[in-house]
Amino acid sequence: MSNNEKSSKKLASLAGKVLQQKSATEAAKKLAGSVLTQAPDRKPSPPPKRRGR
């Protein structure tokens, strides 16, 4: 596997949902964790804008 291969954002989102499920099997959680490890980094959100007085 190449170093630049990444999981898609959609697949990473599904993996996150699997990890939130209490009924997910141990194997499903391990696979979901592996997918999230290969997910692209998220850009940091900008800080909230302050209101002027």
PDB file of N, CA and C in Angstrom:
ATOM      1  N   MET A   1       0.846  -1.178   0.000  1.00  0.00           N
ATOM      2  CA  MET A   1       0.000   0.000   0.000  1.00  0.00           C
ATOM      3  C   MET A   1       0.889   1.238   0.000  1.00  0.00           C
ATOM      4  N   SER A   2       0.541   2.183  -0.779  1.00  0.00           N
ATOM      5  CA  SER A   2       1.283   3.425  -0.897  1.00  0.00           C
ATOM      6  C   SER A   2       1.048   4.317   0.316  1.00  0.00           C
ATOM      7  N   ASN A   3       1.993   5.187   0.621  1.00  0.00           N
ATOM      8  CA  ASN A   3       1.861   6.085   1.770  1.00  0.00           C
ATOM      9  C   ASN A   3       0.810   7.159   1.563  1.00  0.00           C
ATOM     10  N   ASN A   4       0.444   7.458   0.330  1.00  0.00           N
ATOM     11  CA  ASN A   4      -0.491   8.551   0.086  1.00  0.00           C
ATOM     12  C   ASN A   4      -1.936   8.091  -0.087  1.00  0.00           C
ATOM     13  N   GLU A   5      -2.212   6.824   0.151  1.00  0.00           N
ATOM     14  CA  GLU A   5      -3.591   6.349   0.017  1.00  0.00           C
ATOM     15  C   GLU A   5      -4.412   6.770   1.233  1.00  0.00           C
ATOM     16  N   LYS A   6      -5.590   7.277   0.980  1.00  0.00           N
ATOM     17  CA  LYS A   6      -6.462   7.761   2.053  1.00  0.00           C
ATOM     18  C   LYS A   6      -7.867   7.213   1.853  1.00  0.00           C
ATOM     19  N   SER A   7      -8.615   7.134   2.941  1.00  0.00           N
ATOM     20  CA  SER A   7     -10.031   6.777   2.866  1.00  0.00           C
ATOM     21  C   SER A   7     -10.819   8.029   2.498  1.00  0.00           C
ATOM     22  N   SER A   8     -11.939   7.846   1.843  1.00  0.00           N
ATOM     23  CA  SER A   8     -12.751   9.003   1.470  1.00  0.00           C
ATOM     24  C   SER A   8     -13.438   9.603   2.697  1.00  0.00           C
ATOM     25  N   LYS A   9     -13.873  10.843   2.569  1.00  0.00           N
ATOM     26  CA  LYS A   9     -14.581  11.508   3.665  1.00  0.00           C
ATOM     27  C   LYS A   9     -15.884  10.779   3.976  1.00  0.00           C
ATOM     28  N   LYS A  10     -16.549  10.284   2.945  1.00  0.00           N
ATOM     29  CA  LYS A  10     -17.819   9.580   3.147  1.00  0.00           C
ATOM     30  C   LYS A  10     -17.595   8.283   3.927  1.00  0.00           C
ATOM     31  N   LEU A  11     -16.554   7.571   3.574  1.00  0.00           N
ATOM     32  CA  LEU A  11     -16.240   6.327   4.270  1.00  0.00           C
ATOM     33  C   LEU A  11     -15.827   6.607   5.714  1.00  0.00           C
ATOM     34  N   ALA A  12     -15.090   7.687   5.934  1.00  0.00           N
ATOM     35  CA  ALA A  12     -14.697   8.064   7.290  1.00  0.00           C
ATOM     36  C   ALA A  12     -15.925   8.415   8.130  1.00  0.00           C
ATOM     37  N   SER A  13     -16.902   9.055   7.516  1.00  0.00           N
ATOM     38  CA  SER A  13     -18.132   9.398   8.224  1.00  0.00           C
ATOM     39  C   SER A  13     -18.885   8.141   8.640  1.00  0.00           C
ATOM     40  N   LEU A  14     -18.957   7.172   7.747  1.00  0.00           N
ATOM     41  CA  LEU A  14     -19.619   5.903   8.071  1.00  0.00           C
ATOM     42  C   LEU A  14     -18.871   5.173   9.186  1.00  0.00           C
ATOM     43  N   ALA A  15     -17.551   5.228   9.147  1.00  0.00           N
ATOM     44  CA  ALA A  15     -16.757   4.573  10.183  1.00  0.00           C
ATOM     45  C   ALA A  15     -17.017   5.210  11.545  1.00  0.00           C
ATOM     46  N   GLY A  16     -17.163   6.522  11.578  1.00  0.00           N
ATOM     47  CA  GLY A  16     -17.472   7.207  12.824  1.00  0.00           C
ATOM     48  C   GLY A  16     -18.812   6.777  13.387  1.00  0.00           C
ATOM     49  N   LYS A  17     -19.787   6.563  12.499  1.00  0.00           N
ATOM     50  CA  LYS A  17     -21.110   6.119  12.932  1.00  0.00           C
ATOM     51  C   LYS A  17     -21.043   4.702  13.503  1.00  0.00           C
ATOM     52  N   VAL A  18     -20.207   3.858  12.897  1.00  0.00           N
ATOM     53  CA  VAL A  18     -20.047   2.491  13.402  1.00  0.00           C
ATOM     54  C   VAL A  18     -19.484   2.527  14.824  1.00  0.00           C
ATOM     55  N   LEU A  19     -18.501   3.386  15.051  1.00  0.00           N
ATOM     56  CA  LEU A  19     -17.888   3.463  16.377  1.00  0.00           C
ATOM     57  C   LEU A  19     -18.858   3.976  17.433  1.00  0.00           C
ATOM     58  N   GLN A  20     -19.867   4.707  17.037  1.00  0.00           N
ATOM     59  CA  GLN A  20     -20.851   5.232  17.982  1.00  0.00           C
ATOM     60  C   GLN A  20     -21.918   4.198  18.341  1.00  0.00           C
ATOM     61  N   GLN A  21     -22.053   3.160  17.525  1.00  0.00           N
ATOM     62  CA  GLN A  21     -23.080   2.143  17.765  1.00  0.00           C
ATOM     63  C   GLN A  21     -22.656   1.209  18.894  1.00  0.00           C
ATOM     64  N   LYS A  22     -23.537   1.049  19.866  1.00  0.00           N
ATOM     65  CA  LYS A  22     -23.244   0.134  20.971  1.00  0.00           C
ATOM     66  C   LYS A  22     -23.299  -1.320  20.505  1.00  0.00           C
ATOM     67  N   SER A  23     -24.073  -1.588  19.461  1.00  0.00           N
ATOM     68  CA  SER A  23     -24.245  -2.961  18.993  1.00  0.00           C
ATOM     69  C   SER A  23     -23.170  -3.402  17.997  1.00  0.00           C
ATOM     70  N   ALA A  24     -22.219  -2.530  17.670  1.00  0.00           N
ATOM     71  CA  ALA A  24     -21.182  -2.878  16.697  1.00  0.00           C
ATOM     72  C   ALA A  24     -20.258  -3.948  17.279  1.00  0.00           C
ATOM     73  N   THR A  25     -19.861  -4.888  16.446  1.00  0.00           N
ATOM     74  CA  THR A  25     -18.966  -5.954  16.889  1.00  0.00           C
ATOM     75  C   THR A  25     -17.546  -5.413  17.056  1.00  0.00           C
ATOM     76  N   GLU A  26     -16.725  -6.171  17.747  1.00  0.00           N
ATOM     77  CA  GLU A  26     -15.333  -5.775  17.949  1.00  0.00           C
ATOM     78  C   GLU A  26     -14.605  -5.665  16.608  1.00  0.00           C
ATOM     79  N   ALA A  27     -14.895  -6.602  15.695  1.00  0.00           N
ATOM     80  CA  ALA A  27     -14.255  -6.578  14.375  1.00  0.00           C
ATOM     81  C   ALA A  27     -14.669  -5.331  13.600  1.00  0.00           C
ATOM     82  N   ALA A  28     -15.943  -4.947  13.687  1.00  0.00           N
ATOM     83  CA  ALA A  28     -16.416  -3.751  12.991  1.00  0.00           C
ATOM     84  C   ALA A  28     -15.742  -2.502  13.546  1.00  0.00           C
ATOM     85  N   LYS A  29     -15.555  -2.455  14.857  1.00  0.00           N
ATOM     86  CA  LYS A  29     -14.908  -1.310  15.481  1.00  0.00           C
ATOM     87  C   LYS A  29     -13.435  -1.217  15.090  1.00  0.00           C
ATOM     88  N   LYS A  30     -12.767  -2.363  14.994  1.00  0.00           N
ATOM     89  CA  LYS A  30     -11.366  -2.358  14.578  1.00  0.00           C
ATOM     90  C   LYS A  30     -11.231  -1.877  13.139  1.00  0.00           C
ATOM     91  N   LEU A  31     -12.128  -2.338  12.279  1.00  0.00           N
ATOM     92  CA  LEU A  31     -12.099  -1.921  10.888  1.00  0.00           C
ATOM     93  C   LEU A  31     -12.404  -0.430  10.760  1.00  0.00           C
ATOM     94  N   ALA A  32     -13.375   0.044  11.523  1.00  0.00           N
ATOM     95  CA  ALA A  32     -13.727   1.459  11.489  1.00  0.00           C
ATOM     96  C   ALA A  32     -12.555   2.315  11.985  1.00  0.00           C
ATOM     97  N   GLY A  33     -11.872   1.866  13.004  1.00  0.00           N
ATOM     98  CA  GLY A  33     -10.712   2.593  13.500  1.00  0.00           C
ATOM     99  C   GLY A  33      -9.604   2.660  12.469  1.00  0.00           C
ATOM    100  N   SER A  34      -9.430   1.575  11.738  1.00  0.00           N
ATOM    101  CA  SER A  34      -8.428   1.541  10.680  1.00  0.00           C
ATOM    102  C   SER A  34      -8.777   2.525   9.571  1.00  0.00           C
ATOM    103  N   VAL A  35     -10.041   2.591   9.227  1.00  0.00           N
ATOM    104  CA  VAL A  35     -10.496   3.528   8.188  1.00  0.00           C
ATOM    105  C   VAL A  35     -10.246   4.968   8.639  1.00  0.00           C
ATOM    106  N   LEU A  36     -10.562   5.272   9.897  1.00  0.00           N
ATOM    107  CA  LEU A  36     -10.376   6.632  10.394  1.00  0.00           C
ATOM    108  C   LEU A  36      -8.902   7.009  10.472  1.00  0.00           C
ATOM    109  N   THR A  37      -8.043   6.036  10.702  1.00  0.00           N
ATOM    110  CA  THR A  37      -6.605   6.307  10.730  1.00  0.00           C
ATOM    111  C   THR A  37      -6.124   6.775   9.364  1.00  0.00           C
ATOM    112  N   GLN A  38      -6.758   6.268   8.312  1.00  0.00           N
ATOM    113  CA  GLN A  38      -6.355   6.618   6.955  1.00  0.00           C
ATOM    114  C   GLN A  38      -7.187   7.753   6.365  1.00  0.00           C
ATOM    115  N   ALA A  39      -8.079   8.329   7.152  1.00  0.00           N
ATOM    116  CA  ALA A  39      -8.939   9.409   6.656  1.00  0.00           C
ATOM    117  C   ALA A  39      -8.127  10.686   6.491  1.00  0.00           C
ATOM    118  N   PRO A  40      -8.511  11.535   5.535  1.00  0.00           N
ATOM    119  CA  PRO A  40      -7.803  12.806   5.369  1.00  0.00           C
ATOM    120  C   PRO A  40      -7.976  13.692   6.602  1.00  0.00           C
ATOM    121  N   ASP A  41      -6.963  14.486   6.880  1.00  0.00           N
ATOM    122  CA  ASP A  41      -7.028  15.394   8.022  1.00  0.00           C
ATOM    123  C   ASP A  41      -8.093  16.454   7.781  1.00  0.00           C
ATOM    124  N   ARG A  42      -8.778  16.812   8.864  1.00  0.00           N
ATOM    125  CA  ARG A  42      -9.774  17.876   8.763  1.00  0.00           C
ATOM    126  C   ARG A  42      -9.089  19.220   8.923  1.00  0.00           C
ATOM    127  N   LYS A  43      -9.579  20.197   8.181  1.00  0.00           N
ATOM    128  CA  LYS A  43      -9.064  21.548   8.338  1.00  0.00           C
ATOM    129  C   LYS A  43      -9.655  22.128   9.618  1.00  0.00           C
ATOM    130  N   PRO A  44      -8.862  22.848  10.396  1.00  0.00           N
ATOM    131  CA  PRO A  44      -9.417  23.437  11.621  1.00  0.00           C
ATOM    132  C   PRO A  44     -10.473  24.481  11.284  1.00  0.00           C
ATOM    133  N   SER A  45     -11.526  24.486  12.069  1.00  0.00           N
ATOM    134  CA  SER A  45     -12.581  25.457  11.831  1.00  0.00           C
ATOM    135  C   SER A  45     -12.121  26.825  12.297  1.00  0.00           C
ATOM    136  N   PRO A  46     -12.568  27.881  11.622  1.00  0.00           N
ATOM    137  CA  PRO A  46     -12.166  29.229  12.033  1.00  0.00           C
ATOM    138  C   PRO A  46     -12.792  29.583  13.380  1.00  0.00           C
ATOM    139  N   PRO A  47     -12.120  30.423  14.152  1.00  0.00           N
ATOM    140  CA  PRO A  47     -12.687  30.812  15.447  1.00  0.00           C
ATOM    141  C   PRO A  47     -13.971  31.610  15.241  1.00  0.00           C
ATOM    142  N   PRO A  48     -14.894  31.557  16.193  1.00  0.00           N
ATOM    143  CA  PRO A  48     -16.149  32.302  16.047  1.00  0.00           C
ATOM    144  C   PRO A  48     -15.871  33.801  15.999  1.00  0.00           C
ATOM    145  N   LYS A  49     -16.666  34.489  15.210  1.00  0.00           N
ATOM    146  CA  LYS A  49     -16.495  35.938  15.092  1.00  0.00           C
ATOM    147  C   LYS A  49     -17.047  36.623  16.325  1.00  0.00           C
ATOM    148  N   ARG A  50     -16.321  37.610  16.797  1.00  0.00           N
ATOM    149  CA  ARG A  50     -16.755  38.362  17.966  1.00  0.00           C
ATOM    150  C   ARG A  50     -17.632  39.524  17.508  1.00  0.00           C
ATOM    151  N   ARG A  51     -18.639  39.765  18.267  1.00  0.00           N
ATOM    152  CA  ARG A  51     -19.509  40.893  17.966  1.00  0.00           C
ATOM    153  C   ARG A  51     -18.929  42.169  18.558  1.00  0.00           C
ATOM    154  N   GLY A  52     -18.920  43.229  17.781  1.00  0.00           N
ATOM    155  CA  GLY A  52     -18.452  44.517  18.289  1.00  0.00           C
ATOM    156  C   GLY A  52     -19.549  45.193  19.105  1.00  0.00           C
ATOM    157  N   ARG A  53     -19.150  45.970  20.063  1.00  0.00           N
ATOM    158  CA  ARG A  53     -20.148  46.657  20.895  1.00  0.00           C
ATOM    159  C   ARG A  53     -20.253  48.083  20.518  1.00  0.00           C
TER     160      ARG A  53
END
